[in-house]
């Protein structure tokens, strides 16, 4: 156990040194080594591999048992299937669709396949209004917007953006909330009071208004949006993890670890964090939809990253032409609805599976 614990800490230190060296190169030597989001992917992926995968593998029989319970919930399985489809769409889709930013005014407001649109346009040559009939075709199966951009390509691009923001921002919030919640509950006393009062202060700020203010000040960049959501959305996680840890710190295995001389860091990382992973997983699946909606709302009000095509941006474009091109708003709206619903179904299924009182 001590050897595994030491190896995990060593791996974390090596990862931190590598990321720190790359950041210094990025700032002082080379103009751009990697994109800012790549740093977040590497950091959160490393933490996940080091501190989440080993406990799950060590308890693989228990994981298999919970998976069997989850499979009995058909809505959770359906939600998981849609999420996997969305991930596949975001990864593979861009290779088979057009550029979502390519503009073609000759093909503007083409309806989806199977629909026909009649609109009046002014013809300069005759000086009269004529009626034009546009019929959807398979080159643009979901139609185009008022700039001639392919709606299917924009939906696929938006899926990637939503998943990136949802996973990365939730990962940051979970890491921060778990650390604060576990340390606060385990150490207790003044540390607990200070951390929980700081959490209370953070919870008093309206989340979305704070998000809008920070993005407005520092700029509409996807990396900044991810960081802001992650660094302001950890409070609920910290409260829940602290509550669970309070019941764990007096258990026999924690008392035995203390009696054997285990350090506080080892007890927190080796004994407490692995025992709240089930709660962390449930919180993650129920938090991701809120993060996705928050990013879409920012894009809808014009504070999203203009360099990427997100569902909120497409909704904004569709809202301006709702009377003439209804499909532009309907497609991203349906994707947002189904994505939020799928994550909620999975979260409910996991919560029921982890609850021993459930009848699953």
Protein backbone atom coordinates (compact mmCIF):
# COMPACT_ATOMS: atom_id res chain seq x y z
CA UNK A 1 0.00 0.00 0.00
CA UNK A 2 2.80 2.42 0.94
CA UNK A 3 4.62 1.68 -2.31
CA UNK A 4 1.48 2.28 -4.41
CA UNK A 5 0.78 5.50 -2.51
CA UNK A 6 4.36 6.69 -3.09
CA UNK A 7 4.21 5.83 -6.79
CA UNK A 8 0.98 7.78 -7.23
CA UNK A 9 2.46 10.82 -5.52
CA UNK A 10 5.63 10.53 -7.59
CA UNK A 11 3.56 10.31 -10.79
CA UNK A 12 1.63 13.42 -9.76
CA UNK A 13 4.88 15.33 -9.05
CA UNK A 14 6.34 14.30 -12.43
CA UNK A 15 3.13 15.38 -14.19
CA UNK A 16 3.19 18.75 -12.38
CA UNK A 17 6.85 19.31 -13.30
CA UNK A 18 6.23 18.45 -16.95
CA UNK A 19 3.23 20.78 -17.15
CA UNK A 20 5.13 23.55 -15.33
CA UNK A 21 8.10 23.24 -17.70
CA UNK A 22 5.81 23.34 -20.73
CA UNK A 23 4.02 26.44 -19.41
CA UNK A 24 7.37 28.21 -18.88
CA UNK A 25 8.43 27.30 -22.42
CA UNK A 26 5.09 28.54 -23.69
CA UNK A 27 5.47 31.88 -21.90
CA UNK A 28 9.16 32.73 -22.26
CA UNK A 29 10.67 30.70 -25.13
CA UNK A 30 8.18 29.46 -27.74
CA UNK A 31 5.13 31.46 -28.77
CA UNK A 32 2.68 28.56 -28.44
CA UNK A 33 3.59 25.03 -27.41
CA UNK A 34 0.06 23.70 -26.92
CA UNK A 35 -3.38 25.26 -26.63
CA UNK A 36 -4.55 26.25 -23.11
CA UNK A 37 -7.29 23.60 -23.11
CA UNK A 38 -4.67 20.89 -23.70
CA UNK A 39 -3.09 21.74 -20.34
CA UNK A 40 -6.45 21.15 -18.68
CA UNK A 41 -6.92 17.87 -20.53
CA UNK A 42 -3.49 16.62 -19.42
CA UNK A 43 -3.84 17.80 -15.80
CA UNK A 44 -7.34 16.43 -15.23
CA UNK A 45 -6.61 13.26 -17.21
CA UNK A 46 -3.50 12.66 -15.12
CA UNK A 47 -5.36 13.13 -11.85
CA UNK A 48 -8.10 10.80 -13.07
CA UNK A 49 -5.62 8.09 -14.08
CA UNK A 50 -3.56 8.40 -10.89
CA UNK A 51 -6.25 8.71 -8.24
CA UNK A 52 -9.51 7.37 -9.75
CA UNK A 53 -8.60 4.44 -12.01
CA UNK A 54 -6.55 2.48 -9.39
CA UNK A 55 -9.34 2.41 -6.73
CA UNK A 56 -11.89 1.42 -9.38
CA UNK A 57 -9.63 -1.35 -10.67
CA UNK A 58 -8.90 -2.59 -7.16
CA UNK A 59 -12.66 -2.76 -6.53
CA UNK A 60 -13.55 -4.16 -9.95
CA UNK A 61 -15.95 -6.75 -8.50
CA UNK A 62 -17.84 -3.99 -6.73
CA UNK A 63 -17.79 -1.90 -9.93
CA UNK A 64 -19.24 -4.88 -11.82
CA UNK A 65 -21.96 -5.25 -9.18
CA UNK A 66 -22.96 -1.58 -9.48
CA UNK A 67 -22.90 -1.80 -13.28
CA UNK A 68 -25.37 -4.68 -13.12
CA UNK A 69 -27.63 -2.48 -10.98
CA UNK A 70 -27.32 0.44 -13.39
CA UNK A 71 -28.25 -1.78 -16.35
CA UNK A 72 -31.62 -2.50 -14.73
CA UNK A 73 -32.50 1.18 -15.17
CA UNK A 74 -33.51 1.44 -18.83
CA UNK A 75 -33.54 5.24 -18.84
CA UNK A 76 -29.98 5.33 -17.51
CA UNK A 77 -28.84 2.89 -20.20
CA UNK A 78 -30.60 4.95 -22.88
CA UNK A 79 -28.99 8.12 -21.54
CA UNK A 80 -25.56 6.48 -21.54
CA UNK A 81 -26.11 5.31 -25.11
CA UNK A 82 -26.94 8.87 -26.23
CA UNK A 83 -23.85 10.26 -24.44
CA UNK A 84 -21.62 7.71 -26.16
CA UNK A 85 -23.26 8.59 -29.49
CA UNK A 86 -22.60 12.28 -28.80
CA UNK A 87 -18.92 11.60 -28.01
CA UNK A 88 -18.55 9.56 -31.21
CA UNK A 89 -20.30 12.30 -33.18
CA UNK A 90 -17.97 14.98 -31.78
CA UNK A 91 -14.85 12.93 -32.58
CA UNK A 92 -15.71 11.43 -35.97
CA UNK A 93 -18.28 13.91 -37.30
CA UNK A 94 -15.89 16.75 -38.30
CA UNK A 95 -14.12 14.41 -40.76
CA UNK A 96 -17.34 13.90 -42.76
CA UNK A 97 -18.98 17.35 -42.64
CA UNK A 98 -18.27 20.76 -44.12
CA UNK A 99 -16.53 23.62 -42.36
CA UNK A 100 -19.09 24.99 -39.85
CA UNK A 101 -17.81 28.54 -40.43
CA UNK A 102 -17.93 28.43 -44.27
CA UNK A 103 -20.33 31.11 -45.55
CA UNK A 104 -22.33 30.78 -48.80
CA UNK A 105 -25.06 33.38 -49.24
CA UNK A 106 -26.27 31.60 -52.37
CA UNK A 107 -27.36 28.70 -50.15
CA UNK A 108 -28.82 30.65 -47.23
CA UNK A 109 -31.98 29.48 -45.43
CA UNK A 110 -32.18 26.11 -47.14
CA UNK A 111 -34.66 23.95 -45.16
CA UNK A 112 -33.91 20.43 -43.93
CA UNK A 113 -34.42 17.43 -46.20
CA UNK A 114 -38.14 16.79 -46.68
CA UNK A 115 -39.20 20.41 -46.11
CA UNK A 116 -39.95 23.24 -48.52
CA UNK A 117 -39.69 27.00 -47.89
CA UNK A 118 -41.37 29.76 -49.87
CA UNK A 119 -40.01 33.28 -49.46
CA UNK A 120 -40.33 36.59 -51.25
CA UNK A 121 -37.12 38.16 -52.52
CA UNK A 122 -36.46 41.42 -54.37
CA UNK A 123 -35.05 40.98 -57.87
CA UNK A 124 -32.84 43.88 -58.92
CA UNK A 125 -33.17 43.22 -62.66
CA UNK A 126 -36.97 43.50 -62.77
CA UNK A 127 -37.42 45.68 -59.70
CA UNK A 128 -40.15 43.37 -58.40
CA UNK A 129 -40.67 40.91 -55.60
CA UNK A 130 -40.72 37.29 -56.70
CA UNK A 131 -41.53 34.12 -54.78
CA UNK A 132 -38.68 31.65 -54.44
CA UNK A 133 -39.21 28.05 -53.42
CA UNK A 134 -36.33 26.34 -51.62
CA UNK A 135 -36.34 22.56 -51.10
CA UNK A 136 -34.02 20.73 -48.77
CA UNK A 137 -31.40 18.42 -50.25
CA UNK A 138 -28.88 15.93 -48.89
CA UNK A 139 -25.83 18.15 -49.28
CA UNK A 140 -27.24 20.03 -46.26
CA UNK A 141 -29.47 17.44 -44.55
CA UNK A 142 -30.40 19.73 -41.63
CA UNK A 143 -30.50 22.86 -43.77
CA UNK A 144 -28.50 26.10 -43.57
CA UNK A 145 -28.76 29.37 -41.67
CA UNK A 146 -29.13 32.92 -43.01
CA UNK A 147 -25.43 32.95 -43.96
CA UNK A 148 -25.49 29.63 -45.79
CA UNK A 149 -23.55 27.73 -43.09
CA UNK A 150 -24.27 24.01 -42.89
CA UNK A 151 -26.40 23.34 -39.81
CA UNK A 152 -25.27 19.70 -39.40
CA UNK A 153 -21.63 20.82 -39.29
CA UNK A 154 -22.49 23.48 -36.69
CA UNK A 155 -24.38 20.95 -34.55
CA UNK A 156 -21.42 18.53 -34.63
CA UNK A 157 -18.99 21.32 -33.79
CA UNK A 158 -21.27 22.43 -30.95
CA UNK A 159 -21.33 18.87 -29.58
CA UNK A 160 -17.54 18.92 -29.24
CA UNK A 161 -17.56 22.33 -27.57
CA UNK A 162 -20.31 21.35 -25.12
CA UNK A 163 -18.56 18.11 -24.14
CA UNK A 164 -15.22 19.88 -23.70
CA UNK A 165 -16.70 22.57 -21.48
CA UNK A 166 -18.88 20.11 -19.57
CA UNK A 167 -16.13 17.58 -18.84
CA UNK A 168 -13.26 20.00 -18.18
CA UNK A 169 -15.16 22.54 -16.08
CA UNK A 170 -16.85 19.79 -14.08
CA UNK A 171 -13.49 18.08 -13.59
CA UNK A 172 -11.97 21.27 -12.16
CA UNK A 173 -14.97 21.85 -9.88
CA UNK A 174 -14.93 18.25 -8.67
CA UNK A 175 -11.19 18.24 -7.97
CA UNK A 176 -11.38 21.51 -6.05
CA UNK A 177 -14.62 20.68 -4.25
CA UNK A 178 -13.42 17.20 -3.26
CA UNK A 179 -10.13 18.52 -1.91
CA UNK A 180 -11.79 21.28 0.12
CA UNK A 181 -14.61 19.03 1.37
CA UNK A 182 -12.36 16.14 2.45
CA UNK A 183 -9.70 18.33 4.09
CA UNK A 184 -12.32 20.43 5.86
CA UNK A 185 -14.13 17.40 7.32
CA UNK A 186 -10.99 15.45 8.21
CA UNK A 187 -9.05 18.25 9.92
CA UNK A 188 -12.08 19.92 11.52
CA UNK A 189 -11.67 22.79 13.99
CA UNK A 190 -10.46 26.15 12.68
CA UNK A 191 -9.61 24.69 9.26
CA UNK A 192 -13.17 23.46 8.85
CA UNK A 193 -14.60 26.82 9.96
CA UNK A 194 -12.38 28.82 7.61
CA UNK A 195 -13.01 26.61 4.57
CA UNK A 196 -16.76 26.39 5.13
CA UNK A 197 -17.12 30.14 5.72
CA UNK A 198 -15.22 30.73 2.49
CA UNK A 199 -17.58 28.27 0.79
CA UNK A 200 -20.57 30.14 2.22
CA UNK A 201 -19.21 33.42 0.85
CA UNK A 202 -18.73 31.88 -2.60
CA UNK A 203 -22.29 30.51 -2.53
CA UNK A 204 -23.75 33.98 -1.88
CA UNK A 205 -22.66 35.23 -5.31
CA UNK A 206 -25.17 34.56 -8.12
CA UNK A 207 -23.33 31.97 -10.19
CA UNK A 208 -24.36 33.09 -13.67
CA UNK A 209 -23.99 36.82 -12.99
CA UNK A 210 -20.50 36.19 -11.58
CA UNK A 211 -19.70 34.10 -14.65
CA UNK A 212 -20.89 36.85 -17.01
CA UNK A 213 -18.89 39.51 -15.13
CA UNK A 214 -15.61 37.56 -15.17
CA UNK A 215 -15.94 36.57 -18.84
CA UNK A 216 -16.79 40.18 -19.74
CA UNK A 217 -13.64 41.42 -17.94
CA UNK A 218 -11.13 38.80 -19.11
CA UNK A 219 -12.53 38.10 -22.57
CA UNK A 220 -14.67 35.47 -24.28
CA UNK A 221 -12.18 32.63 -24.64
CA UNK A 222 -13.16 28.97 -24.30
CA UNK A 223 -10.28 28.22 -21.89
CA UNK A 224 -11.28 31.19 -19.69
CA UNK A 225 -14.92 30.07 -19.73
CA UNK A 226 -13.90 26.56 -18.62
CA UNK A 227 -11.68 27.91 -15.83
CA UNK A 228 -14.28 30.38 -14.58
CA UNK A 229 -17.06 27.77 -14.44
CA UNK A 230 -14.74 25.27 -12.77
CA UNK A 231 -13.35 27.72 -10.21
CA UNK A 232 -16.78 29.05 -9.24
CA UNK A 233 -18.87 25.88 -9.41
CA UNK A 234 -17.21 23.76 -6.70
CA UNK A 235 -19.20 24.93 -3.66
CA UNK A 236 -22.02 22.39 -3.83
CA UNK A 237 -19.53 19.57 -4.34
CA UNK A 238 -17.49 20.68 -1.32
CA UNK A 239 -20.60 20.66 0.89
CA UNK A 240 -21.71 17.18 -0.19
CA UNK A 241 -18.21 15.67 0.05
CA UNK A 242 -17.68 17.22 3.49
CA UNK A 243 -20.95 15.73 4.73
CA UNK A 244 -19.96 12.27 3.49
CA UNK A 245 -16.43 12.55 4.89
CA UNK A 246 -17.70 13.51 8.33
CA UNK A 247 -19.34 10.09 8.56
CA UNK A 248 -16.20 8.34 7.29
CA UNK A 249 -13.54 9.90 9.50
CA UNK A 250 -14.74 8.05 12.62
CA UNK A 251 -14.89 4.65 10.92
CA UNK A 252 -12.67 1.82 12.19
CA UNK A 253 -10.39 1.74 9.13
CA UNK A 254 -9.58 5.45 9.54
CA UNK A 255 -8.87 5.01 13.26
CA UNK A 256 -6.68 2.00 12.47
CA UNK A 257 -4.70 3.98 9.88
CA UNK A 258 -4.09 6.71 12.44
CA UNK A 259 -3.01 4.18 15.06
CA UNK A 260 -0.49 2.72 12.59
CA UNK A 261 1.06 6.18 12.12
CA UNK A 262 -0.29 7.04 8.67
CA UNK A 263 0.13 10.71 7.75
CA UNK A 264 -2.85 12.98 7.19
CA UNK A 265 -2.07 13.19 3.48
CA UNK A 266 -1.99 9.42 3.12
CA UNK A 267 -5.27 8.99 5.01
CA UNK A 268 -6.98 11.64 2.86
CA UNK A 269 -5.72 10.36 -0.51
CA UNK A 270 -5.63 6.61 0.20
CA UNK A 271 -8.61 6.06 2.49
CA UNK A 272 -11.05 8.97 2.33
CA UNK A 273 -11.03 10.03 -1.34
CA UNK A 274 -11.49 6.45 -2.71
CA UNK A 275 -14.47 6.01 -0.39
CA UNK A 276 -16.28 9.06 -1.76
CA UNK A 277 -15.68 8.22 -5.45
CA UNK A 278 -19.23 6.87 -5.84
CA UNK A 279 -20.61 10.23 -4.65
CA UNK A 280 -18.16 12.09 -6.91
CA UNK A 281 -19.35 10.12 -9.95
CA UNK A 282 -22.99 10.92 -9.21
CA UNK A 283 -22.20 14.61 -8.66
CA UNK A 284 -20.28 14.69 -11.96
CA UNK A 285 -23.11 13.26 -14.05
CA UNK A 286 -25.61 15.64 -12.47
CA UNK A 287 -23.31 18.70 -12.76
CA UNK A 288 -22.28 18.38 -16.40
CA UNK A 289 -25.74 19.38 -17.78
CA UNK A 290 -25.72 22.62 -15.78
CA UNK A 291 -22.25 23.47 -17.08
CA UNK A 292 -23.29 22.78 -20.69
CA UNK A 293 -26.36 24.99 -20.32
CA UNK A 294 -24.26 27.75 -18.69
CA UNK A 295 -21.85 27.79 -21.66
CA UNK A 296 -24.76 27.77 -24.11
CA UNK A 297 -26.37 30.68 -22.23
CA UNK A 298 -23.12 32.67 -22.42
CA UNK A 299 -22.89 32.09 -26.17
CA UNK A 300 -26.57 32.96 -26.59
CA UNK A 301 -26.09 36.40 -25.02
CA UNK A 302 -22.96 37.04 -27.09
CA UNK A 303 -20.27 36.25 -24.49
CA UNK A 304 -19.16 32.92 -25.92
CA UNK A 305 -15.88 32.28 -27.71
CA UNK A 306 -16.34 33.67 -31.26
CA UNK A 307 -13.62 31.33 -32.55
CA UNK A 308 -15.72 28.20 -31.96
CA UNK A 309 -19.20 27.18 -33.06
CA UNK A 310 -21.27 26.26 -30.02
CA UNK A 311 -24.94 25.35 -29.65
CA UNK A 312 -25.60 28.64 -27.88
CA UNK A 313 -24.20 30.59 -30.81
CA UNK A 314 -26.37 28.61 -33.24
CA UNK A 315 -29.40 29.27 -31.03
CA UNK A 316 -28.58 32.97 -31.10
CA UNK A 317 -28.45 32.91 -34.91
CA UNK A 318 -31.71 30.94 -35.04
CA UNK A 319 -33.51 33.29 -32.66
CA UNK A 320 -32.89 36.17 -35.09
CA UNK A 321 -34.51 34.27 -37.99
CA UNK A 322 -37.11 32.24 -36.11
CA UNK A 323 -39.97 33.43 -38.32
CA UNK A 324 -38.25 32.49 -41.60
CA UNK A 325 -35.83 29.66 -40.72
CA UNK A 326 -37.25 27.86 -37.68
CA UNK A 327 -34.96 24.82 -38.07
CA UNK A 328 -31.84 26.82 -37.13
CA UNK A 329 -33.10 27.24 -33.55
CA UNK A 330 -34.90 23.89 -33.27
CA UNK A 331 -31.87 21.64 -34.02
CA UNK A 332 -29.48 22.99 -31.33
CA UNK A 333 -32.37 23.36 -28.90
CA UNK A 334 -33.27 19.69 -29.31
CA UNK A 335 -29.62 18.64 -28.89
CA UNK A 336 -29.32 20.67 -25.68
CA UNK A 337 -32.56 19.18 -24.37
CA UNK A 338 -31.55 15.59 -25.17
CA UNK A 339 -28.02 16.01 -23.80
CA UNK A 340 -29.20 17.45 -20.48
CA UNK A 341 -31.87 14.76 -20.25
CA UNK A 342 -29.35 11.97 -20.98
CA UNK A 343 -26.90 13.10 -18.29
CA UNK A 344 -29.73 13.45 -15.77
CA UNK A 345 -30.97 9.94 -16.56
CA UNK A 346 -27.45 8.54 -16.05
CA UNK A 347 -27.03 10.50 -12.83
CA UNK A 348 -30.34 9.25 -11.45
CA UNK A 349 -29.44 5.69 -12.43
CA UNK A 350 -26.05 5.88 -10.69
CA UNK A 351 -27.58 7.43 -7.59
CA UNK A 352 -30.13 4.63 -7.35
CA UNK A 353 -27.45 1.99 -8.00
CA UNK A 354 -25.24 3.31 -5.18
CA UNK A 355 -28.16 3.59 -2.77
CA UNK A 356 -28.47 0.33 -0.78
CA UNK A 357 -32.08 1.18 0.01
CA UNK A 358 -33.00 1.26 -3.67
CA UNK A 359 -35.16 -1.58 -5.02
CA UNK A 360 -32.99 -2.04 -8.14
